[in-house]
Amino acid sequence: MNVYFASSPPFDRLSECLFRLATDSLNQASLKGSYLEKPSLIGKTPDGYRIRPAHEDDLPAVTQLLKPLVEQRLLLRRTASETAALLKTGFSADFEDQMVGFASVEIYSKKLAEIQCLAVREGHRRHGLGGLLVMHCVELARQRGVMEVMAISSSDTFLENLGFNYALPEQKRALFYQLRSRAEIYDEIDAAERQAQNTPPEFS
């Protein structure tokens, strides 16, 4: 399996929307029964911490963890339903039973997956948790038979130290053609979700 990344993309981008069109049932599978507790690609977890598969009850904690990074425009904004979907293939870094880190791998197809929502709470950084979370995601993708894992980041060194490299060494930047603002798209999604929640169920 190959791992690669694109460096320093614009904050508003359409790549996720385009990739989601290729999402198949692989991403709907549960982690239970499919993820090895001690995968070969992953190093030792620091004392006092543990890395575990995320579950549905983690949604509030993940949302709170990501919120300040979204506000600082370091992570992309996501709806609650999008974040919940990422929990199915996500991992939590816990310290004293509190979530201090999170990352997910979104599996688009057998050819491609992408690291999403990598975040470590301030005060728990510089312990290698980010790298451990990424490698848990990479290992899960490997076990699912995925060919390549992509990560988009402004830190080339961080990803290169984990084994990532450019897919095209002579063309090191991913370019995006923005057709609509991300804020506009998410306002529409949020409105549709609110309308769906207020719509009474149909009876046959």
Protein backbone atom coordinates (compact mmCIF):
# COMPACT_ATOMS: atom_id res chain seq x y z
CA MET A 1 0.00 0.00 0.00
CA ASN A 2 1.28 3.46 -0.87
CA VAL A 3 0.90 6.58 1.26
CA TYR A 4 1.14 10.05 -0.18
CA PHE A 5 0.17 13.62 0.47
CA ALA A 6 -0.50 16.97 -1.11
CA SER A 7 0.96 20.01 0.59
CA SER A 8 -0.67 23.25 1.73
CA PRO A 9 -4.05 23.30 -0.09
CA PRO A 10 -6.46 26.24 0.17
CA PHE A 11 -8.90 26.08 3.06
CA ASP A 12 -11.99 26.14 0.83
CA ARG A 13 -11.66 23.13 -1.44
CA LEU A 14 -13.95 20.81 -3.35
CA SER A 15 -11.81 17.68 -3.21
CA GLU A 16 -13.80 16.14 -0.38
CA CYS A 17 -17.08 16.68 -2.21
CA LEU A 18 -15.67 15.08 -5.34
CA PHE A 19 -14.12 12.15 -3.50
CA ARG A 20 -17.38 11.50 -1.63
CA LEU A 21 -19.02 10.66 -4.93
CA ALA A 22 -16.73 7.64 -5.09
CA THR A 23 -17.42 6.48 -1.52
CA ASP A 24 -18.59 2.87 -1.39
CA SER A 25 -19.80 0.49 1.29
CA LEU A 26 -16.26 -0.01 2.61
CA ASN A 27 -16.61 3.10 4.75
CA GLN A 28 -19.80 1.83 6.36
CA ALA A 29 -18.18 -1.24 7.90
CA SER A 30 -17.74 -1.31 11.67
CA LEU A 31 -14.31 -1.48 13.24
CA LYS A 32 -15.44 -4.28 15.53
CA GLY A 33 -13.94 -7.59 14.60
CA SER A 34 -11.83 -6.13 11.77
CA TYR A 35 -9.10 -4.11 13.48
CA LEU A 36 -6.05 -5.73 15.04
CA GLU A 37 -5.21 -4.49 18.53
CA LYS A 38 -1.45 -4.50 17.83
CA PRO A 39 -0.91 -3.76 14.13
CA SER A 40 2.62 -4.07 12.82
CA LEU A 41 3.01 -0.49 11.54
CA ILE A 42 2.36 1.23 14.86
CA GLY A 43 4.86 2.22 17.53
CA LYS A 44 4.54 2.19 21.30
CA THR A 45 1.87 4.36 22.91
CA PRO A 46 3.24 6.76 25.58
CA ASP A 47 2.63 5.83 29.21
CA GLY A 48 -0.75 7.03 30.48
CA TYR A 49 -2.30 7.18 27.01
CA ARG A 50 -4.24 4.69 24.93
CA ILE A 51 -5.36 4.62 21.31
CA ARG A 52 -8.71 2.96 20.64
CA PRO A 53 -11.28 2.74 17.86
CA ALA A 54 -13.83 5.54 18.08
CA HIS A 55 -17.52 4.83 18.62
CA GLU A 56 -20.82 6.66 18.21
CA ASP A 57 -20.82 8.01 21.77
CA ASP A 58 -17.63 9.93 20.99
CA LEU A 59 -19.39 12.47 18.76
CA PRO A 60 -19.71 15.26 21.39
CA ALA A 61 -16.07 14.84 22.47
CA VAL A 62 -14.81 14.83 18.88
CA THR A 63 -16.88 17.91 18.06
CA GLN A 64 -15.42 19.80 21.03
CA LEU A 65 -11.90 18.67 20.17
CA LEU A 66 -12.17 19.86 16.57
CA LYS A 67 -14.06 23.11 17.23
CA PRO A 68 -11.10 25.38 18.12
CA LEU A 69 -9.09 24.08 15.16
CA VAL A 70 -11.99 24.76 12.82
CA GLU A 71 -12.33 28.27 14.24
CA GLN A 72 -8.61 28.83 13.62
CA ARG A 73 -9.12 27.54 10.06
CA LEU A 74 -6.67 24.73 10.67
CA LEU A 75 -9.30 22.07 9.96
CA LEU A 76 -12.25 22.02 7.61
CA ARG A 77 -15.74 22.59 8.90
CA ARG A 78 -17.98 19.51 8.92
CA THR A 79 -21.61 18.88 9.70
CA ALA A 80 -22.57 16.66 12.62
CA SER A 81 -23.57 13.87 10.23
CA GLU A 82 -20.22 14.03 8.43
CA THR A 83 -18.31 13.88 11.70
CA ALA A 84 -20.46 10.97 12.89
CA ALA A 85 -19.67 9.07 9.69
CA LEU A 86 -15.94 9.49 10.31
CA LEU A 87 -16.27 7.84 13.73
CA LYS A 88 -16.83 4.49 11.99
CA THR A 89 -13.23 4.46 10.80
CA GLY A 90 -11.75 6.80 13.41
CA PHE A 91 -9.47 6.49 16.43
CA SER A 92 -9.35 8.28 19.75
CA ALA A 93 -6.30 9.06 21.86
CA ASP A 94 -7.37 8.99 25.52
CA PHE A 95 -5.68 10.25 28.67
CA GLU A 96 -7.33 9.46 32.00
CA ASP A 97 -10.49 8.46 30.13
CA GLN A 98 -10.65 11.84 28.35
CA MET A 99 -10.29 12.23 24.59
CA VAL A 100 -7.22 14.28 23.77
CA GLY A 101 -6.71 13.29 20.15
CA PHE A 102 -8.61 12.02 17.14
CA ALA A 103 -8.09 11.02 13.52
CA SER A 104 -10.08 9.11 10.94
CA VAL A 105 -9.41 7.44 7.62
CA GLU A 106 -12.13 7.99 5.03
CA ILE A 107 -12.13 5.07 2.60
CA TYR A 108 -13.35 6.14 -0.81
CA SER A 109 -12.64 2.92 -2.69
CA LYS A 110 -10.15 0.06 -2.90
CA LYS A 111 -7.82 2.53 -4.62
CA LEU A 112 -7.89 5.49 -2.26
CA ALA A 113 -8.42 6.56 1.34
CA GLU A 114 -7.68 9.88 3.07
CA ILE A 115 -6.62 10.86 6.58
CA GLN A 116 -9.21 13.21 8.05
CA CYS A 117 -9.63 15.40 11.16
CA LEU A 118 -6.24 14.80 12.75
CA ALA A 119 -6.26 16.75 16.02
CA VAL A 120 -4.41 16.58 19.35
CA ARG A 121 -5.42 18.76 22.27
CA GLU A 122 -2.94 21.42 23.35
CA GLY A 123 -0.99 20.20 26.36
CA HIS A 124 -0.83 16.66 24.98
CA ARG A 125 1.22 17.40 21.88
CA ARG A 126 4.88 16.46 21.40
CA HIS A 127 4.17 12.94 22.67
CA GLY A 128 3.85 11.32 19.27
CA LEU A 129 0.07 10.95 19.50
CA GLY A 130 -0.56 12.53 16.10
CA GLY A 131 1.75 10.09 14.39
CA LEU A 132 0.23 7.15 16.25
CA LEU A 133 -3.28 8.19 15.23
CA VAL A 134 -2.23 8.53 11.59
CA MET A 135 -0.57 5.12 11.58
CA HIS A 136 -3.61 3.48 13.15
CA CYS A 137 -5.59 4.92 10.24
CA VAL A 138 -3.01 3.72 7.71
CA GLU A 139 -3.04 0.25 9.24
CA LEU A 140 -6.83 0.06 9.08
CA ALA A 141 -6.74 1.05 5.40
CA ARG A 142 -4.10 -1.62 4.78
CA GLN A 143 -6.27 -4.24 6.44
CA ARG A 144 -9.21 -3.16 4.25
CA GLY A 145 -7.06 -3.74 1.15
CA VAL A 146 -6.76 -0.09 0.13
CA MET A 147 -4.01 0.70 -2.41
CA GLU A 148 -3.11 4.27 -1.35
CA VAL A 149 -3.70 6.61 1.58
CA MET A 150 -3.65 10.35 0.99
CA ALA A 151 -3.08 13.08 3.58
CA ILE A 152 -3.33 16.83 3.01
CA SER A 153 -1.22 18.89 5.39
CA SER A 154 0.90 22.01 5.69
CA SER A 155 3.61 19.96 7.45
CA ASP A 156 5.59 17.95 4.93
CA THR A 157 8.13 16.77 7.50
CA PHE A 158 5.53 15.32 9.85
CA LEU A 159 4.03 13.13 7.12
CA GLU A 160 7.35 12.22 5.51
CA ASN A 161 8.59 10.95 8.88
CA LEU A 162 5.62 8.59 8.93
CA GLY A 163 6.45 7.19 5.49
CA PHE A 164 4.29 9.44 3.31
CA ASN A 165 5.69 10.80 0.06
CA TYR A 166 4.52 12.75 -2.96
CA ALA A 167 2.61 10.67 -5.50
CA LEU A 168 4.25 12.69 -8.28
CA PRO A 169 7.74 13.74 -7.14
CA GLU A 170 8.09 16.30 -9.93
CA GLN A 171 4.65 17.82 -9.26
CA LYS A 172 4.50 18.52 -5.56
CA ARG A 173 1.37 20.63 -5.24
CA ALA A 174 -2.29 19.80 -5.53
CA LEU A 175 -4.34 22.55 -7.21
CA PHE A 176 -8.07 23.11 -6.76
CA TYR A 177 -10.59 25.01 -8.87
CA GLN A 178 -13.20 26.46 -6.52
CA LEU A 179 -16.69 26.72 -7.99
CA ARG A 180 -18.58 27.64 -4.82
CA SER A 181 -17.59 28.72 -1.33
CA ARG A 182 -17.43 26.00 1.29
CA ALA A 183 -19.50 28.17 3.67
CA GLU A 184 -22.31 28.37 1.12
CA ILE A 185 -22.34 24.62 0.59
CA TYR A 186 -22.39 23.88 4.31
CA ASP A 187 -25.14 26.39 4.98
CA GLU A 188 -27.25 24.47 2.46
CA ILE A 189 -26.37 21.14 4.06
CA ASP A 190 -27.16 22.43 7.54
CA ALA A 191 -30.51 23.81 6.37
CA ALA A 192 -31.40 20.50 4.71
CA GLU A 193 -30.52 18.58 7.89
CA ARG A 194 -32.62 20.91 10.04
CA GLN A 195 -35.54 20.55 7.65
CA ALA A 196 -35.21 16.76 7.70
CA GLN A 197 -35.22 16.74 11.51
CA ASN A 198 -38.40 18.83 11.59
CA THR A 199 -40.19 16.78 8.94
CA PRO A 200 -42.69 14.31 10.49
CA PRO A 201 -42.25 10.65 9.45
CA GLU A 202 -44.40 9.34 6.63
CA PHE A 203 -46.95 6.70 7.43
CA SER A 204 -47.98 4.07 4.94
